[in-house]
Amino acid sequence: MVAAGPIAAWLSARNDALANLAIILVDILTIWFAPGWLDIIVGVGIGILNADAARAVWKAARAKTDPTP
């Protein structure tokens, strides 16, 4: 059984690092490409990444509180 707290902290730190790297990359790419679409693509990617992390934390929390083995 895994505690939800450490998973949430790790996923949050991972998502922040990946989001920051993606934003820096998009900032560099806007020199050559139209900035609007790149921002939208990165925003959607960050949203998907965070939704997946929320699902993982939800599953860990449910597994911890679910009385069935």
PDB file of N, CA and C in Angstrom:
ATOM      1  N   MET A   1       0.844  -1.167   0.000  1.00  0.00           N
ATOM      2  CA  MET A   1       0.000   0.000   0.000  1.00  0.00           C
ATOM      3  C   MET A   1       0.897   1.240   0.000  1.00  0.00           C
ATOM      4  N   VAL A   2       0.577   2.185  -0.854  1.00  0.00           N
ATOM      5  CA  VAL A   2       1.389   3.389  -1.003  1.00  0.00           C
ATOM      6  C   VAL A   2       0.608   4.580  -0.478  1.00  0.00           C
ATOM      7  N   ALA A   3       1.277   5.432   0.286  1.00  0.00           N
ATOM      8  CA  ALA A   3       0.631   6.628   0.804  1.00  0.00           C
ATOM      9  C   ALA A   3       0.460   7.646  -0.318  1.00  0.00           C
ATOM     10  N   ALA A   4      -0.659   8.349  -0.301  1.00  0.00           N
ATOM     11  CA  ALA A   4      -0.956   9.314  -1.365  1.00  0.00           C
ATOM     12  C   ALA A   4      -0.097  10.562  -1.240  1.00  0.00           C
ATOM     13  N   GLY A   5       0.309  10.945  -0.022  1.00  0.00           N
ATOM     14  CA  GLY A   5       1.072  12.178   0.188  1.00  0.00           C
ATOM     15  C   GLY A   5       2.388  12.221  -0.563  1.00  0.00           C
ATOM     16  N   PRO A   6       3.255  11.214  -0.390  1.00  0.00           N
ATOM     17  CA  PRO A   6       4.522  11.236  -1.125  1.00  0.00           C
ATOM     18  C   PRO A   6       4.341  11.169  -2.640  1.00  0.00           C
ATOM     19  N   ILE A   7       3.338  10.433  -3.084  1.00  0.00           N
ATOM     20  CA  ILE A   7       3.074  10.362  -4.521  1.00  0.00           C
ATOM     21  C   ILE A   7       2.658  11.735  -5.034  1.00  0.00           C
ATOM     22  N   ALA A   8       1.781  12.406  -4.303  1.00  0.00           N
ATOM     23  CA  ALA A   8       1.315  13.726  -4.723  1.00  0.00           C
ATOM     24  C   ALA A   8       2.467  14.718  -4.776  1.00  0.00           C
ATOM     25  N   ALA A   9       3.338  14.680  -3.774  1.00  0.00           N
ATOM     26  CA  ALA A   9       4.480  15.602  -3.756  1.00  0.00           C
ATOM     27  C   ALA A   9       5.423  15.333  -4.918  1.00  0.00           C
ATOM     28  N   TRP A  10       5.704  14.060  -5.181  1.00  0.00           N
ATOM     29  CA  TRP A  10       6.610  13.726  -6.274  1.00  0.00           C
ATOM     30  C   TRP A  10       6.009  14.117  -7.616  1.00  0.00           C
ATOM     31  N   LEU A  11       4.729  13.796  -7.833  1.00  0.00           N
ATOM     32  CA  LEU A  11       4.089  14.137  -9.099  1.00  0.00           C
ATOM     33  C   LEU A  11       4.016  15.651  -9.294  1.00  0.00           C
ATOM     34  N   SER A  12       3.772  16.380  -8.227  1.00  0.00           N
ATOM     35  CA  SER A  12       3.719  17.836  -8.323  1.00  0.00           C
ATOM     36  C   SER A  12       5.076  18.409  -8.722  1.00  0.00           C
ATOM     37  N   ALA A  13       6.138  17.916  -8.091  1.00  0.00           N
ATOM     38  CA  ALA A  13       7.485  18.387  -8.432  1.00  0.00           C
ATOM     39  C   ALA A  13       7.854  18.004  -9.860  1.00  0.00           C
ATOM     40  N   ARG A  14       7.508  16.786 -10.254  1.00  0.00           N
ATOM     41  CA  ARG A  14       7.798  16.340 -11.622  1.00  0.00           C
ATOM     42  C   ARG A  14       7.053  17.185 -12.641  1.00  0.00           C
ATOM     43  N   ASN A  15       5.767  17.426 -12.381  1.00  0.00           N
ATOM     44  CA  ASN A  15       4.968  18.215 -13.309  1.00  0.00           C
ATOM     45  C   ASN A  15       5.482  19.649 -13.415  1.00  0.00           C
ATOM     46  N   ASP A  16       5.885  20.238 -12.290  1.00  0.00           N
ATOM     47  CA  ASP A  16       6.435  21.593 -12.330  1.00  0.00           C
ATOM     48  C   ASP A  16       7.706  21.644 -13.163  1.00  0.00           C
ATOM     49  N   ALA A  17       8.576  20.673 -12.978  1.00  0.00           N
ATOM     50  CA  ALA A  17       9.833  20.659 -13.733  1.00  0.00           C
ATOM     51  C   ALA A  17       9.568  20.478 -15.229  1.00  0.00           C
ATOM     52  N   LEU A  18       8.695  19.535 -15.585  1.00  0.00           N
ATOM     53  CA  LEU A  18       8.390  19.305 -16.996  1.00  0.00           C
ATOM     54  C   LEU A  18       7.687  20.502 -17.627  1.00  0.00           C
ATOM     55  N   ALA A  19       6.770  21.114 -16.886  1.00  0.00           N
ATOM     56  CA  ALA A  19       6.070  22.289 -17.408  1.00  0.00           C
ATOM     57  C   ALA A  19       7.045  23.439 -17.635  1.00  0.00           C
ATOM     58  N   ASN A  20       7.950  23.656 -16.690  1.00  0.00           N
ATOM     59  CA  ASN A  20       8.927  24.729 -16.848  1.00  0.00           C
ATOM     60  C   ASN A  20       9.837  24.489 -18.043  1.00  0.00           C
ATOM     61  N   LEU A  21      10.269  23.251 -18.235  1.00  0.00           N
ATOM     62  CA  LEU A  21      11.099  22.933 -19.406  1.00  0.00           C
ATOM     63  C   LEU A  21      10.327  23.152 -20.707  1.00  0.00           C
ATOM     64  N   ALA A  22       9.070  22.750 -20.728  1.00  0.00           N
ATOM     65  CA  ALA A  22       8.255  22.930 -21.933  1.00  0.00           C
ATOM     66  C   ALA A  22       8.048  24.416 -22.232  1.00  0.00           C
ATOM     67  N   ILE A  23       7.822  25.208 -21.208  1.00  0.00           N
ATOM     68  CA  ILE A  23       7.620  26.651 -21.401  1.00  0.00           C
ATOM     69  C   ILE A  23       8.892  27.308 -21.913  1.00  0.00           C
ATOM     70  N   ILE A  24      10.029  26.918 -21.378  1.00  0.00           N
ATOM     71  CA  ILE A  24      11.305  27.467 -21.857  1.00  0.00           C
ATOM     72  C   ILE A  24      11.523  27.083 -23.319  1.00  0.00           C
ATOM     73  N   LEU A  25      11.240  25.836 -23.664  1.00  0.00           N
ATOM     74  CA  LEU A  25      11.400  25.384 -25.049  1.00  0.00           C
ATOM     75  C   LEU A  25      10.494  26.163 -25.990  1.00  0.00           C
ATOM     76  N   VAL A  26       9.248  26.382 -25.587  1.00  0.00           N
ATOM     77  CA  VAL A  26       8.315  27.146 -26.415  1.00  0.00           C
ATOM     78  C   VAL A  26       8.790  28.590 -26.561  1.00  0.00           C
ATOM     79  N   ASP A  27       9.313  29.159 -25.491  1.00  0.00           N
ATOM     80  CA  ASP A  27       9.847  30.523 -25.592  1.00  0.00           C
ATOM     81  C   ASP A  27      10.960  30.603 -26.629  1.00  0.00           C
ATOM     82  N   ILE A  28      11.801  29.600 -26.671  1.00  0.00           N
ATOM     83  CA  ILE A  28      12.881  29.566 -27.662  1.00  0.00           C
ATOM     84  C   ILE A  28      12.309  29.363 -29.064  1.00  0.00           C
ATOM     85  N   LEU A  29      11.331  28.477 -29.192  1.00  0.00           N
ATOM     86  CA  LEU A  29      10.752  28.183 -30.506  1.00  0.00           C
ATOM     87  C   LEU A  29       9.943  29.344 -31.074  1.00  0.00           C
ATOM     88  N   THR A  30       9.452  30.245 -30.225  1.00  0.00           N
ATOM     89  CA  THR A  30       8.670  31.369 -30.737  1.00  0.00           C
ATOM     90  C   THR A  30       9.514  32.320 -31.574  1.00  0.00           C
ATOM     91  N   ILE A  31      10.824  32.176 -31.527  1.00  0.00           N
ATOM     92  CA  ILE A  31      11.680  32.981 -32.394  1.00  0.00           C
ATOM     93  C   ILE A  31      11.401  32.639 -33.854  1.00  0.00           C
ATOM     94  N   TRP A  32      11.103  31.364 -34.157  1.00  0.00           N
ATOM     95  CA  TRP A  32      10.923  30.900 -35.529  1.00  0.00           C
ATOM     96  C   TRP A  32       9.482  30.621 -35.909  1.00  0.00           C
ATOM     97  N   PHE A  33       8.618  30.348 -34.952  1.00  0.00           N
ATOM     98  CA  PHE A  33       7.260  29.926 -35.263  1.00  0.00           C
ATOM     99  C   PHE A  33       6.238  30.877 -34.640  1.00  0.00           C
ATOM    100  N   ALA A  34       4.992  30.760 -35.108  1.00  0.00           N
ATOM    101  CA  ALA A  34       3.905  31.563 -34.547  1.00  0.00           C
ATOM    102  C   ALA A  34       3.687  31.173 -33.085  1.00  0.00           C
ATOM    103  N   PRO A  35       3.738  32.127 -32.180  1.00  0.00           N
ATOM    104  CA  PRO A  35       3.706  31.805 -30.755  1.00  0.00           C
ATOM    105  C   PRO A  35       2.370  31.266 -30.235  1.00  0.00           C
ATOM    106  N   GLY A  36       1.258  31.658 -30.843  1.00  0.00           N
ATOM    107  CA  GLY A  36      -0.044  31.271 -30.306  1.00  0.00           C
ATOM    108  C   GLY A  36      -0.271  29.774 -30.243  1.00  0.00           C
ATOM    109  N   TRP A  37       0.010  29.067 -31.332  1.00  0.00           N
ATOM    110  CA  TRP A  37      -0.249  27.634 -31.372  1.00  0.00           C
ATOM    111  C   TRP A  37       0.669  26.862 -30.444  1.00  0.00           C
ATOM    112  N   LEU A  38       1.894  27.269 -30.351  1.00  0.00           N
ATOM    113  CA  LEU A  38       2.819  26.563 -29.459  1.00  0.00           C
ATOM    114  C   LEU A  38       2.374  26.686 -28.003  1.00  0.00           C
ATOM    115  N   ASP A  39       1.907  27.860 -27.618  1.00  0.00           N
ATOM    116  CA  ASP A  39       1.420  28.050 -26.249  1.00  0.00           C
ATOM    117  C   ASP A  39       0.201  27.185 -25.972  1.00  0.00           C
ATOM    118  N   ILE A  40      -0.681  27.094 -26.940  1.00  0.00           N
ATOM    119  CA  ILE A  40      -1.881  26.265 -26.771  1.00  0.00           C
ATOM    120  C   ILE A  40      -1.503  24.792 -26.649  1.00  0.00           C
ATOM    121  N   ILE A  41      -0.594  24.342 -27.481  1.00  0.00           N
ATOM    122  CA  ILE A  41      -0.169  22.943 -27.435  1.00  0.00           C
ATOM    123  C   ILE A  41       0.476  22.611 -26.091  1.00  0.00           C
ATOM    124  N   VAL A  42       1.360  23.484 -25.616  1.00  0.00           N
ATOM    125  CA  VAL A  42       2.005  23.248 -24.320  1.00  0.00           C
ATOM    126  C   VAL A  42       0.978  23.313 -23.193  1.00  0.00           C
ATOM    127  N   GLY A  43       0.043  24.240 -23.276  1.00  0.00           N
ATOM    128  CA  GLY A  43      -0.999  24.336 -22.252  1.00  0.00           C
ATOM    129  C   GLY A  43      -1.849  23.078 -22.163  1.00  0.00           C
ATOM    130  N   VAL A  44      -2.219  22.538 -23.316  1.00  0.00           N
ATOM    131  CA  VAL A  44      -2.991  21.288 -23.341  1.00  0.00           C
ATOM    132  C   VAL A  44      -2.151  20.139 -22.785  1.00  0.00           C
ATOM    133  N   GLY A  45      -0.879  20.099 -23.160  1.00  0.00           N
ATOM    134  CA  GLY A  45       0.012  19.054 -22.639  1.00  0.00           C
ATOM    135  C   GLY A  45       0.157  19.120 -21.128  1.00  0.00           C
ATOM    136  N   ILE A  46       0.303  20.325 -20.596  1.00  0.00           N
ATOM    137  CA  ILE A  46       0.408  20.496 -19.142  1.00  0.00           C
ATOM    138  C   ILE A  46      -0.897  20.075 -18.472  1.00  0.00           C
ATOM    139  N   GLY A  47      -2.021  20.414 -19.089  1.00  0.00           N
ATOM    140  CA  GLY A  47      -3.320  19.992 -18.538  1.00  0.00           C
ATOM    141  C   GLY A  47      -3.459  18.479 -18.485  1.00  0.00           C
ATOM    142  N   ILE A  48      -3.042  17.808 -19.550  1.00  0.00           N
ATOM    143  CA  ILE A  48      -3.087  16.338 -19.584  1.00  0.00           C
ATOM    144  C   ILE A  48      -2.154  15.744 -18.533  1.00  0.00           C
ATOM    145  N   LEU A  49      -0.965  16.312 -18.405  1.00  0.00           N
ATOM    146  CA  LEU A  49       0.000  15.837 -17.413  1.00  0.00           C
ATOM    147  C   LEU A  49      -0.567  15.963 -16.001  1.00  0.00           C
ATOM    148  N   ASN A  50      -1.197  17.100 -15.704  1.00  0.00           N
ATOM    149  CA  ASN A  50      -1.769  17.307 -14.378  1.00  0.00           C
ATOM    150  C   ASN A  50      -2.989  16.423 -14.139  1.00  0.00           C
ATOM    151  N   ALA A  51      -3.790  16.199 -15.168  1.00  0.00           N
ATOM    152  CA  ALA A  51      -4.949  15.308 -15.015  1.00  0.00           C
ATOM    153  C   ALA A  51      -4.503  13.881 -14.727  1.00  0.00           C
ATOM    154  N   ASP A  52      -3.439  13.447 -15.385  1.00  0.00           N
ATOM    155  CA  ASP A  52      -2.914  12.104 -15.139  1.00  0.00           C
ATOM    156  C   ASP A  52      -2.361  11.991 -13.713  1.00  0.00           C
ATOM    157  N   ALA A  53      -1.698  13.040 -13.250  1.00  0.00           N
ATOM    158  CA  ALA A  53      -1.179  13.031 -11.876  1.00  0.00           C
ATOM    159  C   ALA A  53      -2.324  13.008 -10.873  1.00  0.00           C
ATOM    160  N   ALA A  54      -3.380  13.765 -11.146  1.00  0.00           N
ATOM    161  CA  ALA A  54      -4.540  13.766 -10.250  1.00  0.00           C
ATOM    162  C   ALA A  54      -5.177  12.385 -10.186  1.00  0.00           C
ATOM    163  N   ARG A  55      -5.245  11.699 -11.322  1.00  0.00           N
ATOM    164  CA  ARG A  55      -5.790  10.332 -11.352  1.00  0.00           C
ATOM    165  C   ARG A  55      -4.935   9.388 -10.515  1.00  0.00           C
ATOM    166  N   ALA A  56      -3.616   9.525 -10.622  1.00  0.00           N
ATOM    167  CA  ALA A  56      -2.717   8.650  -9.866  1.00  0.00           C
ATOM    168  C   ALA A  56      -2.852   8.896  -8.364  1.00  0.00           C
ATOM    169  N   VAL A  57      -2.962  10.151  -7.963  1.00  0.00           N
ATOM    170  CA  VAL A  57      -3.125  10.468  -6.540  1.00  0.00           C
ATOM    171  C   VAL A  57      -4.479   9.968  -6.053  1.00  0.00           C
ATOM    172  N   TRP A  58      -5.500  10.139  -6.866  1.00  0.00           N
ATOM    173  CA  TRP A  58      -6.836   9.658  -6.497  1.00  0.00           C
ATOM    174  C   TRP A  58      -6.812   8.144  -6.278  1.00  0.00           C
ATOM    175  N   LYS A  59      -6.175   7.407  -7.187  1.00  0.00           N
ATOM    176  CA  LYS A  59      -6.095   5.950  -7.044  1.00  0.00           C
ATOM    177  C   LYS A  59      -5.334   5.561  -5.787  1.00  0.00           C
ATOM    178  N   ALA A  60      -4.232   6.260  -5.489  1.00  0.00           N
ATOM    179  CA  ALA A  60      -3.449   5.943  -4.289  1.00  0.00           C
ATOM    180  C   ALA A  60      -4.242   6.239  -3.024  1.00  0.00           C
ATOM    181  N   ALA A  61      -4.983   7.340  -3.032  1.00  0.00           N
ATOM    182  CA  ALA A  61      -5.791   7.688  -1.863  1.00  0.00           C
ATOM    183  C   ALA A  61      -6.934   6.695  -1.677  1.00  0.00           C
ATOM    184  N   ARG A  62      -7.561   6.302  -2.769  1.00  0.00           N
ATOM    185  CA  ARG A  62      -8.630   5.307  -2.681  1.00  0.00           C
ATOM    186  C   ARG A  62      -8.113   3.963  -2.190  1.00  0.00           C
ATOM    187  N   ALA A  63      -6.929   3.567  -2.679  1.00  0.00           N
ATOM    188  CA  ALA A  63      -6.355   2.296  -2.251  1.00  0.00           C
ATOM    189  C   ALA A  63      -6.024   2.321  -0.754  1.00  0.00           C
ATOM    190  N   LYS A  64      -5.650   3.482  -0.261  1.00  0.00           N
ATOM    191  CA  LYS A  64      -5.305   3.592   1.154  1.00  0.00           C
ATOM    192  C   LYS A  64      -6.544   3.548   2.050  1.00  0.00           C
ATOM    193  N   THR A  65      -7.647   4.100   1.577  1.00  0.00           N
ATOM    194  CA  THR A  65      -8.855   4.167   2.409  1.00  0.00           C
ATOM    195  C   THR A  65      -9.863   3.065   2.122  1.00  0.00           C
ATOM    196  N   ASP A  66      -9.679   2.315   1.043  1.00  0.00           N
ATOM    197  CA  ASP A  66     -10.617   1.247   0.691  1.00  0.00           C
ATOM    198  C   ASP A  66     -10.440   0.068   1.638  1.00  0.00           C
ATOM    199  N   PRO A  67     -11.499  -0.344   2.333  1.00  0.00           N
ATOM    200  CA  PRO A  67     -11.355  -1.443   3.306  1.00  0.00           C
ATOM    201  C   PRO A  67     -11.198  -2.829   2.666  1.00  0.00           C
ATOM    202  N   THR A  68     -11.539  -2.955   1.385  1.00  0.00           N
ATOM    203  CA  THR A  68     -11.418  -4.274   0.761  1.00  0.00           C
ATOM    204  C   THR A  68      -9.974  -4.528   0.365  1.00  0.00           C
ATOM    205  N   PRO A  69      -9.517  -5.764   0.493  1.00  0.00           N
ATOM    206  CA  PRO A  69      -8.108  -6.057   0.166  1.00  0.00           C
ATOM    207  C   PRO A  69      -7.825  -6.043  -1.310  1.00  0.00           C
TER     208      PRO A  69
END
